[in-house]
Amino acid sequence: SADLKLLEEATISVCKSLVEKNPRTGNLGSLIKVFLSRTKELKISAECQNHLFIWQAHNALFIICCLLKVFISRMSEEELQVHFTYEEKA
């Protein structure tokens, strides 16, 4: 759709920067870990009508989806593996 094309064009520089820096920083993996750890709270938030938390979770998932689309469309399987096997250096 046209909106998706506009989104991709507007975020391409951020995505390129993340692709370049992520093997050193592990930011994508950290975002995914935080999202997964907080999903347990989503049901409670929905029951309590905590719209702020639900909105934050929705936005995090949207960002993850957009980034994964860029990663998958532009990288080989080996390159993708580098982005998901970050280990903090001592």
PDB file of N, CA and C in Angstrom:
ATOM      1  N   SER A   1       0.844  -1.185   0.000  1.00  0.00           N
ATOM      2  CA  SER A   1       0.000   0.000   0.000  1.00  0.00           C
ATOM      3  C   SER A   1       0.886   1.245   0.000  1.00  0.00           C
ATOM      4  N   ALA A   2       0.270   2.352  -0.276  1.00  0.00           N
ATOM      5  CA  ALA A   2       1.003   3.624  -0.326  1.00  0.00           C
ATOM      6  C   ALA A   2       1.533   4.015   1.051  1.00  0.00           C
ATOM      7  N   ASP A   3       0.750   3.757   2.094  1.00  0.00           N
ATOM      8  CA  ASP A   3       1.191   4.093   3.450  1.00  0.00           C
ATOM      9  C   ASP A   3       2.424   3.289   3.853  1.00  0.00           C
ATOM     10  N   LEU A   4       2.438   2.023   3.496  1.00  0.00           N
ATOM     11  CA  LEU A   4       3.587   1.179   3.815  1.00  0.00           C
ATOM     12  C   LEU A   4       4.832   1.672   3.092  1.00  0.00           C
ATOM     13  N   LYS A   5       4.676   2.063   1.862  1.00  0.00           N
ATOM     14  CA  LYS A   5       5.803   2.592   1.076  1.00  0.00           C
ATOM     15  C   LYS A   5       6.346   3.870   1.714  1.00  0.00           C
ATOM     16  N   LEU A   6       5.457   4.748   2.153  1.00  0.00           N
ATOM     17  CA  LEU A   6       5.878   5.982   2.831  1.00  0.00           C
ATOM     18  C   LEU A   6       6.610   5.675   4.127  1.00  0.00           C
ATOM     19  N   LEU A   7       6.109   4.709   4.879  1.00  0.00           N
ATOM     20  CA  LEU A   7       6.759   4.317   6.133  1.00  0.00           C
ATOM     21  C   LEU A   7       8.165   3.793   5.863  1.00  0.00           C
ATOM     22  N   GLU A   8       8.302   2.931   4.875  1.00  0.00           N
ATOM     23  CA  GLU A   8       9.613   2.382   4.539  1.00  0.00           C
ATOM     24  C   GLU A   8      10.581   3.484   4.121  1.00  0.00           C
ATOM     25  N   GLU A   9      10.125   4.418   3.328  1.00  0.00           N
ATOM     26  CA  GLU A   9      10.977   5.510   2.885  1.00  0.00           C
ATOM     27  C   GLU A   9      11.390   6.408   4.050  1.00  0.00           C
ATOM     28  N   ALA A  10      10.474   6.639   4.984  1.00  0.00           N
ATOM     29  CA  ALA A  10      10.758   7.514   6.122  1.00  0.00           C
ATOM     30  C   ALA A  10      11.695   6.874   7.139  1.00  0.00           C
ATOM     31  N   THR A  11      11.724   5.554   7.195  1.00  0.00           N
ATOM     32  CA  THR A  11      12.512   4.874   8.229  1.00  0.00           C
ATOM     33  C   THR A  11      13.764   4.187   7.700  1.00  0.00           C
ATOM     34  N   ILE A  12      14.047   4.305   6.429  1.00  0.00           N
ATOM     35  CA  ILE A  12      15.163   3.571   5.855  1.00  0.00           C
ATOM     36  C   ILE A  12      16.496   3.960   6.480  1.00  0.00           C
ATOM     37  N   SER A  13      16.717   5.226   6.796  1.00  0.00           N
ATOM     38  CA  SER A  13      17.999   5.623   7.383  1.00  0.00           C
ATOM     39  C   SER A  13      18.167   5.049   8.788  1.00  0.00           C
ATOM     40  N   VAL A  14      17.080   5.004   9.552  1.00  0.00           N
ATOM     41  CA  VAL A  14      17.133   4.416  10.892  1.00  0.00           C
ATOM     42  C   VAL A  14      17.411   2.920  10.787  1.00  0.00           C
ATOM     43  N   CYS A  15      16.753   2.271   9.862  1.00  0.00           N
ATOM     44  CA  CYS A  15      16.951   0.828   9.676  1.00  0.00           C
ATOM     45  C   CYS A  15      18.374   0.520   9.243  1.00  0.00           C
ATOM     46  N   LYS A  16      18.917   1.304   8.326  1.00  0.00           N
ATOM     47  CA  LYS A  16      20.287   1.093   7.875  1.00  0.00           C
ATOM     48  C   LYS A  16      21.267   1.263   9.036  1.00  0.00           C
ATOM     49  N   SER A  17      21.032   2.268   9.854  1.00  0.00           N
ATOM     50  CA  SER A  17      21.890   2.500  11.010  1.00  0.00           C
ATOM     51  C   SER A  17      21.822   1.331  11.985  1.00  0.00           C
ATOM     52  N   LEU A  18      20.622   0.818  12.216  1.00  0.00           N
ATOM     53  CA  LEU A  18      20.468  -0.316  13.110  1.00  0.00           C
ATOM     54  C   LEU A  18      21.152  -1.558  12.545  1.00  0.00           C
ATOM     55  N   VAL A  19      21.005  -1.794  11.247  1.00  0.00           N
ATOM     56  CA  VAL A  19      21.649  -2.940  10.614  1.00  0.00           C
ATOM     57  C   VAL A  19      23.162  -2.853  10.806  1.00  0.00           C
ATOM     58  N   GLU A  20      23.700  -1.663  10.673  1.00  0.00           N
ATOM     59  CA  GLU A  20      25.140  -1.459  10.801  1.00  0.00           C
ATOM     60  C   GLU A  20      25.623  -1.644  12.241  1.00  0.00           C
ATOM     61  N   LYS A  21      24.885  -1.107  13.202  1.00  0.00           N
ATOM     62  CA  LYS A  21      25.340  -1.088  14.593  1.00  0.00           C
ATOM     63  C   LYS A  21      24.861  -2.259  15.434  1.00  0.00           C
ATOM     64  N   ASN A  22      23.800  -2.913  15.032  1.00  0.00           N
ATOM     65  CA  ASN A  22      23.199  -3.957  15.857  1.00  0.00           C
ATOM     66  C   ASN A  22      24.141  -5.108  16.223  1.00  0.00           C
ATOM     67  N   PRO A  23      25.025  -5.566  15.331  1.00  0.00           N
ATOM     68  CA  PRO A  23      25.928  -6.652  15.750  1.00  0.00           C
ATOM     69  C   PRO A  23      26.796  -6.265  16.960  1.00  0.00           C
ATOM     70  N   ARG A  24      27.081  -4.967  17.116  1.00  0.00           N
ATOM     71  CA  ARG A  24      27.872  -4.504  18.260  1.00  0.00           C
ATOM     72  C   ARG A  24      27.006  -4.195  19.472  1.00  0.00           C
ATOM     73  N   THR A  25      25.793  -3.726  19.242  1.00  0.00           N
ATOM     74  CA  THR A  25      24.962  -3.254  20.355  1.00  0.00           C
ATOM     75  C   THR A  25      23.945  -4.266  20.844  1.00  0.00           C
ATOM     76  N   GLY A  26      23.449  -5.112  19.937  1.00  0.00           N
ATOM     77  CA  GLY A  26      22.423  -6.076  20.319  1.00  0.00           C
ATOM     78  C   GLY A  26      21.068  -5.441  20.603  1.00  0.00           C
ATOM     79  N   ASN A  27      20.821  -4.247  20.059  1.00  0.00           N
ATOM     80  CA  ASN A  27      19.581  -3.523  20.355  1.00  0.00           C
ATOM     81  C   ASN A  27      18.321  -4.250  19.899  1.00  0.00           C
ATOM     82  N   LEU A  28      18.346  -4.858  18.735  1.00  0.00           N
ATOM     83  CA  LEU A  28      17.155  -5.561  18.256  1.00  0.00           C
ATOM     84  C   LEU A  28      16.815  -6.727  19.183  1.00  0.00           C
ATOM     85  N   GLY A  29      17.810  -7.505  19.538  1.00  0.00           N
ATOM     86  CA  GLY A  29      17.592  -8.623  20.451  1.00  0.00           C
ATOM     87  C   GLY A  29      17.073  -8.149  21.801  1.00  0.00           C
ATOM     88  N   SER A  30      17.600  -7.026  22.282  1.00  0.00           N
ATOM     89  CA  SER A  30      17.141  -6.468  23.560  1.00  0.00           C
ATOM     90  C   SER A  30      15.680  -6.039  23.478  1.00  0.00           C
ATOM     91  N   LEU A  31      15.316  -5.404  22.375  1.00  0.00           N
ATOM     92  CA  LEU A  31      13.922  -4.988  22.194  1.00  0.00           C
ATOM     93  C   LEU A  31      12.994  -6.196  22.193  1.00  0.00           C
ATOM     94  N   ILE A  32      13.395  -7.249  21.507  1.00  0.00           N
ATOM     95  CA  ILE A  32      12.577  -8.459  21.452  1.00  0.00           C
ATOM     96  C   ILE A  32      12.473  -9.093  22.839  1.00  0.00           C
ATOM     97  N   LYS A  33      13.578  -9.168  23.565  1.00  0.00           N
ATOM     98  CA  LYS A  33      13.563  -9.747  24.918  1.00  0.00           C
ATOM     99  C   LYS A  33      12.653  -8.955  25.854  1.00  0.00           C
ATOM    100  N   VAL A  34      12.739  -7.638  25.793  1.00  0.00           N
ATOM    101  CA  VAL A  34      11.881  -6.803  26.649  1.00  0.00           C
ATOM    102  C   VAL A  34      10.422  -7.008  26.278  1.00  0.00           C
ATOM    103  N   PHE A  35      10.128  -7.030  24.987  1.00  0.00           N
ATOM    104  CA  PHE A  35       8.745  -7.240  24.559  1.00  0.00           C
ATOM    105  C   PHE A  35       8.226  -8.586  25.063  1.00  0.00           C
ATOM    106  N   LEU A  36       9.009  -9.634  24.870  1.00  0.00           N
ATOM    107  CA  LEU A  36       8.573 -10.970  25.300  1.00  0.00           C
ATOM    108  C   LEU A  36       8.398 -11.049  26.817  1.00  0.00           C
ATOM    109  N   SER A  37       9.269 -10.395  27.566  1.00  0.00           N
ATOM    110  CA  SER A  37       9.145 -10.440  29.021  1.00  0.00           C
ATOM    111  C   SER A  37       7.918  -9.681  29.512  1.00  0.00           C
ATOM    112  N   ARG A  38       7.480  -8.697  28.752  1.00  0.00           N
ATOM    113  CA  ARG A  38       6.335  -7.886  29.174  1.00  0.00           C
ATOM    114  C   ARG A  38       5.004  -8.412  28.641  1.00  0.00           C
ATOM    115  N   THR A  39       5.033  -9.391  27.753  1.00  0.00           N
ATOM    116  CA  THR A  39       3.771  -9.897  27.198  1.00  0.00           C
ATOM    117  C   THR A  39       2.902 -10.550  28.262  1.00  0.00           C
ATOM    118  N   LYS A  40       3.525 -11.056  29.317  1.00  0.00           N
ATOM    119  CA  LYS A  40       2.764 -11.669  30.405  1.00  0.00           C
ATOM    120  C   LYS A  40       1.835 -10.660  31.069  1.00  0.00           C
ATOM    121  N   GLU A  41       2.223  -9.410  31.009  1.00  0.00           N
ATOM    122  CA  GLU A  41       1.439  -8.350  31.646  1.00  0.00           C
ATOM    123  C   GLU A  41       0.300  -7.835  30.759  1.00  0.00           C
ATOM    124  N   LEU A  42       0.289  -8.226  29.500  1.00  0.00           N
ATOM    125  CA  LEU A  42      -0.719  -7.692  28.584  1.00  0.00           C
ATOM    126  C   LEU A  42      -2.142  -8.055  28.990  1.00  0.00           C
ATOM    127  N   LYS A  43      -2.361  -9.303  29.383  1.00  0.00           N
ATOM    128  CA  LYS A  43      -3.704  -9.732  29.764  1.00  0.00           C
ATOM    129  C   LYS A  43      -4.197  -8.932  30.963  1.00  0.00           C
ATOM    130  N   ILE A  44      -3.344  -8.766  31.952  1.00  0.00           N
ATOM    131  CA  ILE A  44      -3.709  -7.988  33.138  1.00  0.00           C
ATOM    132  C   ILE A  44      -3.994  -6.546  32.747  1.00  0.00           C
ATOM    133  N   SER A  45      -3.168  -6.001  31.874  1.00  0.00           N
ATOM    134  CA  SER A  45      -3.361  -4.619  31.432  1.00  0.00           C
ATOM    135  C   SER A  45      -4.688  -4.450  30.701  1.00  0.00           C
ATOM    136  N   ALA A  46      -5.041  -5.437  29.896  1.00  0.00           N
ATOM    137  CA  ALA A  46      -6.315  -5.371  29.178  1.00  0.00           C
ATOM    138  C   ALA A  46      -7.482  -5.428  30.159  1.00  0.00           C
ATOM    139  N   GLU A  47      -7.374  -6.294  31.155  1.00  0.00           N
ATOM    140  CA  GLU A  47      -8.439  -6.407  32.147  1.00  0.00           C
ATOM    141  C   GLU A  47      -8.582  -5.129  32.973  1.00  0.00           C
ATOM    142  N   CYS A  48      -7.467  -4.470  33.241  1.00  0.00           N
ATOM    143  CA  CYS A  48      -7.480  -3.222  34.021  1.00  0.00           C
ATOM    144  C   CYS A  48      -7.660  -1.995  33.134  1.00  0.00           C
ATOM    145  N   GLN A  49      -7.770  -2.220  31.857  1.00  0.00           N
ATOM    146  CA  GLN A  49      -7.896  -1.158  30.865  1.00  0.00           C
ATOM    147  C   GLN A  49      -6.729  -0.160  30.937  1.00  0.00           C
ATOM    148  N   ASN A  50      -5.536  -0.715  31.089  1.00  0.00           N
ATOM    149  CA  ASN A  50      -4.317   0.090  31.098  1.00  0.00           C
ATOM    150  C   ASN A  50      -3.917   0.327  29.645  1.00  0.00           C
ATOM    151  N   HIS A  51      -4.521   1.313  29.057  1.00  0.00           N
ATOM    152  CA  HIS A  51      -4.326   1.573  27.630  1.00  0.00           C
ATOM    153  C   HIS A  51      -2.910   2.013  27.302  1.00  0.00           C
ATOM    154  N   LEU A  52      -2.237   2.667  28.227  1.00  0.00           N
ATOM    155  CA  LEU A  52      -0.864   3.114  27.968  1.00  0.00           C
ATOM    156  C   LEU A  52       0.059   1.925  27.755  1.00  0.00           C
ATOM    157  N   PHE A  53      -0.034   0.920  28.618  1.00  0.00           N
ATOM    158  CA  PHE A  53       0.820  -0.258  28.479  1.00  0.00           C
ATOM    159  C   PHE A  53       0.501  -1.008  27.191  1.00  0.00           C
ATOM    160  N   ILE A  54      -0.768  -1.149  26.886  1.00  0.00           N
ATOM    161  CA  ILE A  54      -1.174  -1.845  25.653  1.00  0.00           C
ATOM    162  C   ILE A  54      -0.658  -1.077  24.436  1.00  0.00           C
ATOM    163  N   TRP A  55      -0.749   0.225  24.459  1.00  0.00           N
ATOM    164  CA  TRP A  55      -0.250   1.067  23.366  1.00  0.00           C
ATOM    165  C   TRP A  55       1.258   0.892  23.202  1.00  0.00           C
ATOM    166  N   GLN A  56       2.013   0.868  24.332  1.00  0.00           N
ATOM    167  CA  GLN A  56       3.460   0.680  24.274  1.00  0.00           C
ATOM    168  C   GLN A  56       3.818  -0.691  23.701  1.00  0.00           C
ATOM    169  N   ALA A  57       3.100  -1.719  24.120  1.00  0.00           N
ATOM    170  CA  ALA A  57       3.356  -3.068  23.615  1.00  0.00           C
ATOM    171  C   ALA A  57       3.049  -3.146  22.120  1.00  0.00           C
ATOM    172  N   HIS A  58       1.963  -2.527  21.705  1.00  0.00           N
ATOM    173  CA  HIS A  58       1.593  -2.496  20.287  1.00  0.00           C
ATOM    174  C   HIS A  58       2.685  -1.814  19.474  1.00  0.00           C
ATOM    175  N   ASN A  59       3.181  -0.685  19.947  1.00  0.00           N
ATOM    176  CA  ASN A  59       4.222   0.042  19.227  1.00  0.00           C
ATOM    177  C   ASN A  59       5.523  -0.756  19.164  1.00  0.00           C
ATOM    178  N   ALA A  60       5.885  -1.421  20.265  1.00  0.00           N
ATOM    179  CA  ALA A  60       7.099  -2.240  20.261  1.00  0.00           C
ATOM    180  C   ALA A  60       6.980  -3.366  19.242  1.00  0.00           C
ATOM    181  N   LEU A  61       5.832  -4.021  19.211  1.00  0.00           N
ATOM    182  CA  LEU A  61       5.628  -5.106  18.255  1.00  0.00           C
ATOM    183  C   LEU A  61       5.651  -4.584  16.819  1.00  0.00           C
ATOM    184  N   PHE A  62       5.080  -3.424  16.594  1.00  0.00           N
ATOM    185  CA  PHE A  62       5.094  -2.816  15.271  1.00  0.00           C
ATOM    186  C   PHE A  62       6.528  -2.507  14.828  1.00  0.00           C
ATOM    187  N   ILE A  63       7.335  -1.970  15.728  1.00  0.00           N
ATOM    188  CA  ILE A  63       8.732  -1.663  15.416  1.00  0.00           C
ATOM    189  C   ILE A  63       9.498  -2.945  15.099  1.00  0.00           C
ATOM    190  N   ILE A  64       9.291  -3.970  15.918  1.00  0.00           N
ATOM    191  CA  ILE A  64       9.953  -5.257  15.684  1.00  0.00           C
ATOM    192  C   ILE A  64       9.577  -5.799  14.306  1.00  0.00           C
ATOM    193  N   CYS A  65       8.303  -5.757  13.980  1.00  0.00           N
ATOM    194  CA  CYS A  65       7.848  -6.259  12.665  1.00  0.00           C
ATOM    195  C   CYS A  65       8.477  -5.486  11.520  1.00  0.00           C
ATOM    196  N   CYS A  66       8.501  -4.174  11.619  1.00  0.00           N
ATOM    197  CA  CYS A  66       9.093  -3.346  10.558  1.00  0.00           C
ATOM    198  C   CYS A  66      10.576  -3.640  10.392  1.00  0.00           C
ATOM    199  N   LEU A  67      11.291  -3.747  11.514  1.00  0.00           N
ATOM    200  CA  LEU A  67      12.720  -4.011  11.441  1.00  0.00           C
ATOM    201  C   LEU A  67      13.002  -5.402  10.879  1.00  0.00           C
ATOM    202  N   LEU A  68      12.235  -6.381  11.312  1.00  0.00           N
ATOM    203  CA  LEU A  68      12.441  -7.736  10.802  1.00  0.00           C
ATOM    204  C   LEU A  68      12.182  -7.803   9.304  1.00  0.00           C
ATOM    205  N   LYS A  69      11.211  -7.053   8.835  1.00  0.00           N
ATOM    206  CA  LYS A  69      10.935  -7.033   7.398  1.00  0.00           C
ATOM    207  C   LYS A  69      12.152  -6.525   6.632  1.00  0.00           C
ATOM    208  N   VAL A  70      12.761  -5.464   7.126  1.00  0.00           N
ATOM    209  CA  VAL A  70      13.956  -4.912   6.487  1.00  0.00           C
ATOM    210  C   VAL A  70      15.104  -5.912   6.566  1.00  0.00           C
ATOM    211  N   PHE A  71      15.310  -6.478   7.743  1.00  0.00           N
ATOM    212  CA  PHE A  71      16.407  -7.426   7.928  1.00  0.00           C
ATOM    213  C   PHE A  71      16.255  -8.621   6.993  1.00  0.00           C
ATOM    214  N   ILE A  72      15.069  -9.206   6.970  1.00  0.00           N
ATOM    215  CA  ILE A  72      14.837 -10.413   6.177  1.00  0.00           C
ATOM    216  C   ILE A  72      14.944 -10.127   4.678  1.00  0.00           C
ATOM    217  N   SER A  73      14.477  -8.972   4.252  1.00  0.00           N
ATOM    218  CA  SER A  73      14.495  -8.670   2.821  1.00  0.00           C
ATOM    219  C   SER A  73      15.883  -8.287   2.306  1.00  0.00           C
ATOM    220  N   ARG A  74      16.780  -7.905   3.206  1.00  0.00           N
ATOM    221  CA  ARG A  74      18.080  -7.406   2.752  1.00  0.00           C
ATOM    222  C   ARG A  74      19.274  -8.255   3.162  1.00  0.00           C
ATOM    223  N   MET A  75      19.042  -9.330   3.915  1.00  0.00           N
ATOM    224  CA  MET A  75      20.175 -10.100   4.431  1.00  0.00           C
ATOM    225  C   MET A  75      20.051 -11.575   4.124  1.00  0.00           C
ATOM    226  N   SER A  76      21.203 -12.201   4.094  1.00  0.00           N
ATOM    227  CA  SER A  76      21.232 -13.655   3.965  1.00  0.00           C
ATOM    228  C   SER A  76      20.962 -14.263   5.345  1.00  0.00           C
ATOM    229  N   GLU A  77      20.743 -15.550   5.354  1.00  0.00           N
ATOM    230  CA  GLU A  77      20.491 -16.247   6.621  1.00  0.00           C
ATOM    231  C   GLU A  77      21.691 -16.115   7.564  1.00  0.00           C
ATOM    232  N   GLU A  78      22.887 -16.176   7.029  1.00  0.00           N
ATOM    233  CA  GLU A  78      24.100 -16.060   7.842  1.00  0.00           C
ATOM    234  C   GLU A  78      24.203 -14.670   8.465  1.00  0.00           C
ATOM    235  N   GLU A  79      23.884 -13.640   7.684  1.00  0.00           N
ATOM    236  CA  GLU A  79      23.919 -12.278   8.213  1.00  0.00           C
ATOM    237  C   GLU A  79      22.862 -12.091   9.296  1.00  0.00           C
ATOM    238  N   LEU A  80      21.689 -12.658   9.089  1.00  0.00           N
ATOM    239  CA  LEU A  80      20.638 -12.570  10.109  1.00  0.00           C
ATOM    240  C   LEU A  80      21.079 -13.210  11.409  1.00  0.00           C
ATOM    241  N   GLN A  81      21.757 -14.323  11.311  1.00  0.00           N
ATOM    242  CA  GLN A  81      22.199 -15.032  12.499  1.00  0.00           C
ATOM    243  C   GLN A  81      23.116 -14.154  13.349  1.00  0.00           C
ATOM    244  N   VAL A  82      23.951 -13.352  12.718  1.00  0.00           N
ATOM    245  CA  VAL A  82      24.839 -12.446  13.448  1.00  0.00           C
ATOM    246  C   VAL A  82      24.034 -11.480  14.308  1.00  0.00           C
ATOM    247  N   HIS A  83      22.905 -11.039  13.796  1.00  0.00           N
ATOM    248  CA  HIS A  83      22.091 -10.067  14.519  1.00  0.00           C
ATOM    249  C   HIS A  83      21.341 -10.681  15.692  1.00  0.00           C
ATOM    250  N   PHE A  84      21.181 -11.975  15.701  1.00  0.00           N
ATOM    251  CA  PHE A  84      20.430 -12.617  16.778  1.00  0.00           C
ATOM    252  C   PHE A  84      21.308 -13.445  17.703  1.00  0.00           C
ATOM    253  N   THR A  85      22.622 -13.372  17.529  1.00  0.00           N
ATOM    254  CA  THR A  85      23.525 -14.126  18.390  1.00  0.00           C
ATOM    255  C   THR A  85      24.480 -13.193  19.125  1.00  0.00           C
ATOM    256  N   TYR A  86      24.027 -12.000  19.434  1.00  0.00           N
ATOM    257  CA  TYR A  86      24.840 -11.027  20.144  1.00  0.00           C
ATOM    258  C   TYR A  86      25.206 -11.562  21.529  1.00  0.00           C
ATOM    259  N   GLU A  87      26.489 -11.445  21.863  1.00  0.00           N
ATOM    260  CA  GLU A  87      26.946 -11.795  23.203  1.00  0.00           C
ATOM    261  C   GLU A  87      27.742 -10.612  23.731  1.00  0.00           C
ATOM    262  N   GLU A  88      27.390 -10.162  24.921  1.00  0.00           N
ATOM    263  CA  GLU A  88      28.063  -9.025  25.508  1.00  0.00           C
ATOM    264  C   GLU A  88      29.529  -9.382  25.786  1.00  0.00           C
ATOM    265  N   LYS A  89      30.409  -8.480  25.399  1.00  0.00           N
ATOM    266  CA  LYS A  89      31.828  -8.714  25.612  1.00  0.00           C
ATOM    267  C   LYS A  89      32.238  -8.130  26.953  1.00  0.00           C
ATOM    268  N   ALA A  90      33.087  -8.852  27.661  1.00  0.00           N
ATOM    269  CA  ALA A  90      33.524  -8.403  28.996  1.00  0.00           C
ATOM    270  C   ALA A  90      34.509  -7.258  28.887  1.00  0.00           C
TER     271      ALA A  90
END
